[in-house]
Each structure stands twice: as structure tokens, then as C-alpha cells.
Amino acid sequence: MNSPEIIPPRSGTAFLLKKGQRLKVVDLQGEQVSDLVCFNLHDKGEYLSSGRTIDYAETIFLTTGHPFYSNRSKVMFEIVEDTVGRHDFLLTPCSADTFRIIYGHQDPHCGCFGNLCSALQPFGISPDQIPVSFNIFMHVTVDGDTGKVSVLPPKSGTGDYIILEAKMDLIVGLTACSAEMSNNYSFKPIGFEVYDS
């Protein structure tokens, strides 16, 4: 494989991932989350579904061997390698509203949502089409008694990675997450590579 492409801190990109190709996402410096969303290249009304994926897997701890489903219950991709084993598929991409409501910022950053909107716009995808993201390397816990959700520092270290294999032709949006709590209050780049399996 070649050197990974770099997503600078607090930014995002979008690209095509064809059926059978693999996407490797690398935490280059450790404790950095990457939000991923995807759409069927040939029908943008079909998109990655958190609810269906978690429902069929019967777990929120998705890792190697788990298929990820669309809103139409078709497999979009599968995790084939995962050196961390802890990611999140509950929380929505951070946004300007996240920074205003949770962090109290008066001049909020556009967040992963804004970055995904910008990156996916050339593919004809509007903001209202962007679903809950698969938050690679994000460490979220849920209290078993109260249901309280907590965002903890990622468990990923320098060089940790995840590899996904596409099961259909996809448009993929990918970020280097912008939320303080998600990244242990330090913003870093994300590496990624698309290659044939």
C-alpha cells in the first residue's frame, strides 16, 4: 500500500469507494476520531443506517466481521481489520449547534457536519441527507442503569487503523473530527487509503 492521504485537523473529504475496494483509516497521532458516512453511488436515497446496523448486529460495539447496513437493509461495507475494537455508531456528527449547545461557543466551528456538507455537496448530497455517522475510534460509554452517554478519550494510539471492504459502489464522506471531548481536547489529522483487495 502507498502512503495514506491526509485529512487535516477539523476538516473532511469525500470520494468514491467501489464494490470490492478497501478503505483503510489510520489514526496518525493517536486519540483522533474520524466520522464516516456513505451513500449508494447509484441511488443516493440509500445511505448508511445506524439503527439497522445495530439492530441486526445486536451490539453497539461494532468491530471486525460486522456488516454495516443501509436504510434498505442492504450491506454497504464490512469491517475486515480493526486494531482498536472500540468505535461509536450512536452519536451524530458534531456541528455548529453541537458547539453552541454543548460547549457554549459564541462563534462555533462548523464541525464534522459542516465539513461533510461541504465535501459531499459536489456529489449532489444535501445537508438533510447526511445520516448518523460511524465514528471511527470514538469511545462512547452508556451507563447500564441511567442510560447516560459519556464521551471518553479514544482508545486508539499512533498508527492504529481500521479497514472496511465495500459491498456496493459507495460515495464516502470522511472527517478528522472537530469536537473537543471526542479527541481528548487535541485536534489531529487522519490518514486514509483506498486500494483494491
Protein backbone atom coordinates (compact mmCIF):
# COMPACT_ATOMS: atom_id res chain seq x y z
CA MET A 1 0.00 0.00 0.00
CA ASN A 2 1.05 3.60 -0.59
CA SER A 3 1.41 6.40 1.93
CA PRO A 4 -2.01 7.48 3.20
CA GLU A 5 -3.76 10.63 2.08
CA ILE A 6 -4.08 13.14 4.90
CA ILE A 7 -7.24 14.84 6.18
CA PRO A 8 -6.04 17.95 8.08
CA PRO A 9 -7.35 18.58 11.61
CA ARG A 10 -11.00 19.69 11.80
CA SER A 11 -11.72 19.10 8.11
CA GLY A 12 -13.23 16.48 5.81
CA THR A 13 -13.26 14.97 2.35
CA ALA A 14 -15.40 12.78 0.10
CA PHE A 15 -14.52 10.17 -2.52
CA LEU A 16 -15.73 7.05 -4.34
CA LEU A 17 -15.20 3.53 -2.97
CA LYS A 18 -16.10 0.87 -5.49
CA LYS A 19 -17.50 -2.57 -4.63
CA GLY A 20 -14.65 -4.84 -3.54
CA GLN A 21 -12.27 -2.00 -2.76
CA ARG A 22 -10.98 -1.42 0.75
CA LEU A 23 -10.70 1.75 2.80
CA LYS A 24 -8.03 1.94 5.48
CA VAL A 25 -8.47 4.74 8.05
CA VAL A 26 -5.41 5.44 10.20
CA ASP A 27 -5.09 7.38 13.45
CA LEU A 28 -1.77 9.04 12.65
CA GLN A 29 -1.02 10.53 16.08
CA GLY A 30 -3.44 8.77 18.44
CA GLU A 31 -6.74 9.73 20.12
CA GLN A 32 -8.30 11.21 16.97
CA VAL A 33 -11.83 10.37 15.80
CA SER A 34 -12.92 10.14 12.15
CA ASP A 35 -16.62 10.41 11.20
CA LEU A 36 -17.70 8.29 8.23
CA VAL A 37 -20.93 8.39 6.23
CA CYS A 38 -21.70 6.72 2.92
CA PHE A 39 -24.31 6.55 0.18
CA ASN A 40 -25.09 4.16 -2.66
CA LEU A 41 -23.31 5.69 -5.66
CA HIS A 42 -26.18 4.72 -7.97
CA ASP A 43 -29.06 5.77 -5.68
CA LYS A 44 -28.29 8.48 -3.11
CA GLY A 45 -31.58 7.75 -1.33
CA GLU A 46 -29.81 4.69 0.12
CA TYR A 47 -27.47 5.60 2.96
CA LEU A 48 -25.67 4.15 5.98
CA SER A 49 -28.07 3.31 8.82
CA SER A 50 -27.01 3.25 12.46
CA GLY A 51 -30.36 1.86 13.58
CA ARG A 52 -30.46 -1.08 11.17
CA THR A 53 -26.78 -1.94 11.66
CA ILE A 54 -27.01 -2.01 15.47
CA ASP A 55 -30.36 -3.82 15.33
CA TYR A 56 -29.01 -6.65 13.16
CA ALA A 57 -25.66 -6.90 14.99
CA GLU A 58 -27.38 -6.87 18.42
CA THR A 59 -24.48 -4.83 19.79
CA ILE A 60 -23.24 -1.24 19.82
CA PHE A 61 -19.63 -2.47 19.85
CA LEU A 62 -19.04 -2.96 16.13
CA THR A 63 -15.69 -4.40 15.01
CA THR A 64 -14.04 -7.00 12.74
CA GLY A 65 -16.59 -9.17 10.91
CA HIS A 66 -19.58 -6.86 11.38
CA PRO A 67 -21.50 -5.83 8.25
CA PHE A 68 -22.90 -2.29 8.08
CA TYR A 69 -26.37 -1.90 6.60
CA SER A 70 -28.19 0.78 4.65
CA ASN A 71 -31.64 2.19 5.38
CA ARG A 72 -32.85 -0.50 2.92
CA SER A 73 -31.19 -3.35 4.87
CA LYS A 74 -28.51 -3.98 2.26
CA VAL A 75 -24.88 -4.44 3.31
CA MET A 76 -22.82 -1.38 2.38
CA PHE A 77 -19.47 -2.46 3.83
CA GLU A 78 -17.87 -4.82 6.33
CA ILE A 79 -15.03 -4.30 8.81
CA VAL A 80 -12.24 -6.69 7.82
CA GLU A 81 -9.48 -5.46 10.17
CA ASP A 82 -9.62 -3.38 13.33
CA THR A 83 -6.69 -2.76 15.70
CA VAL A 84 -8.77 -0.80 18.24
CA GLY A 85 -12.13 -2.55 18.51
CA ARG A 86 -13.97 0.41 20.01
CA HIS A 87 -15.91 2.88 17.90
CA ASP A 88 -19.26 4.71 18.12
CA PHE A 89 -22.39 4.49 15.99
CA LEU A 90 -24.80 6.28 18.34
CA LEU A 91 -23.90 9.96 18.12
CA THR A 92 -24.49 12.34 15.24
CA PRO A 93 -21.67 14.30 13.55
CA CYS A 94 -20.68 17.34 15.62
CA SER A 95 -21.99 20.61 14.18
CA ALA A 96 -22.10 24.34 14.85
CA ASP A 97 -25.15 23.57 17.00
CA THR A 98 -23.13 21.00 18.97
CA PHE A 99 -20.51 23.63 19.80
CA ARG A 100 -23.19 26.17 20.71
CA ILE A 101 -25.37 23.85 22.84
CA ILE A 102 -22.79 21.55 24.47
CA TYR A 103 -19.67 23.72 24.62
CA GLY A 104 -21.27 27.18 24.81
CA HIS A 105 -19.21 28.61 21.92
CA GLN A 106 -20.39 32.01 20.72
CA ASP A 107 -18.53 31.63 17.41
CA PRO A 108 -18.92 27.89 16.77
CA HIS A 109 -16.88 25.76 14.38
CA CYS A 110 -18.82 24.14 11.51
CA GLY A 111 -17.88 20.71 12.91
CA CYS A 112 -17.91 17.37 11.13
CA PHE A 113 -21.45 18.00 9.91
CA GLY A 114 -20.42 21.21 8.16
CA ASN A 115 -17.30 19.58 6.77
CA LEU A 116 -19.33 16.64 5.45
CA CYS A 117 -21.86 19.02 3.89
CA SER A 118 -19.09 20.83 2.01
CA ALA A 119 -17.32 17.64 0.91
CA LEU A 120 -20.48 15.85 -0.24
CA GLN A 121 -22.12 18.81 -1.99
CA PRO A 122 -20.26 18.15 -5.29
CA PHE A 123 -21.81 14.65 -5.28
CA GLY A 124 -25.29 16.16 -5.10
CA ILE A 125 -25.90 15.27 -1.44
CA SER A 126 -27.69 17.90 0.63
CA PRO A 127 -27.28 18.56 4.38
CA ASP A 128 -30.64 16.96 5.18
CA GLN A 129 -29.45 13.69 3.61
CA ILE A 130 -26.47 13.26 5.98
CA PRO A 131 -27.22 10.47 8.50
CA VAL A 132 -25.73 9.46 11.85
CA SER A 133 -22.05 8.80 11.20
CA PHE A 134 -19.94 5.79 12.07
CA ASN A 135 -17.48 7.49 14.41
CA ILE A 136 -14.24 5.59 13.93
CA PHE A 137 -12.05 5.43 17.08
CA MET A 138 -14.64 7.34 19.16
CA HIS A 139 -15.02 5.98 22.71
CA VAL A 140 -18.58 6.30 23.99
CA THR A 141 -19.98 4.55 27.06
CA VAL A 142 -23.60 4.08 28.12
CA ASP A 143 -24.46 3.67 31.80
CA GLY A 144 -26.46 0.47 32.25
CA ASP A 145 -28.78 1.94 34.90
CA THR A 146 -29.37 5.54 33.85
CA GLY A 147 -28.63 5.32 30.12
CA LYS A 148 -26.31 8.33 30.45
CA VAL A 149 -23.97 8.65 27.47
CA SER A 150 -20.35 9.68 28.13
CA VAL A 151 -17.67 10.59 25.60
CA LEU A 152 -14.22 9.42 26.73
CA PRO A 153 -10.76 9.76 25.13
CA PRO A 154 -10.31 7.37 22.18
CA LYS A 155 -8.52 4.09 22.85
CA SER A 156 -6.60 4.41 19.57
CA GLY A 157 -2.87 5.09 19.60
CA THR A 158 -0.46 6.24 16.92
CA GLY A 159 -0.77 4.03 13.84
CA ASP A 160 -3.96 2.21 14.87
CA TYR A 161 -6.29 1.57 11.95
CA ILE A 162 -9.50 0.06 10.67
CA ILE A 163 -10.09 -1.48 7.22
CA LEU A 164 -13.52 -1.57 5.58
CA GLU A 165 -14.43 -3.51 2.43
CA ALA A 166 -17.16 -2.06 0.22
CA LYS A 167 -20.05 -4.37 -0.68
CA MET A 168 -21.55 -1.90 -3.15
CA ASP A 169 -20.32 1.18 -5.02
CA LEU A 170 -20.21 3.99 -2.46
CA ILE A 171 -19.82 7.72 -2.05
CA VAL A 172 -17.92 8.14 1.22
CA GLY A 173 -17.61 11.21 3.43
CA LEU A 174 -14.77 11.14 5.97
CA THR A 175 -13.51 13.66 8.54
CA ALA A 176 -10.86 14.42 11.10
CA CYS A 177 -13.31 15.17 13.92
CA SER A 178 -13.65 18.68 15.32
CA ALA A 179 -15.20 18.02 18.76
CA GLU A 180 -13.05 18.62 21.83
CA MET A 181 -14.30 15.79 24.03
CA SER A 182 -14.16 13.23 21.23
CA ASN A 183 -10.41 13.76 20.67
CA ASN A 184 -9.19 14.33 24.24
CA TYR A 185 -9.05 18.09 23.57
CA SER A 186 -6.38 17.95 20.85
CA PHE A 187 -7.13 18.14 17.11
CA LYS A 188 -5.03 15.95 14.84
CA PRO A 189 -5.05 14.67 11.23
CA ILE A 190 -6.47 11.39 9.95
CA GLY A 191 -4.88 9.24 7.26
CA PHE A 192 -6.79 7.14 4.75
CA GLU A 193 -6.14 4.97 1.73
CA VAL A 194 -8.37 3.33 -0.89
CA TYR A 195 -6.99 0.19 -2.51
CA ASP A 196 -8.08 -2.94 -4.34
CA SER A 197 -8.50 -6.02 -2.15
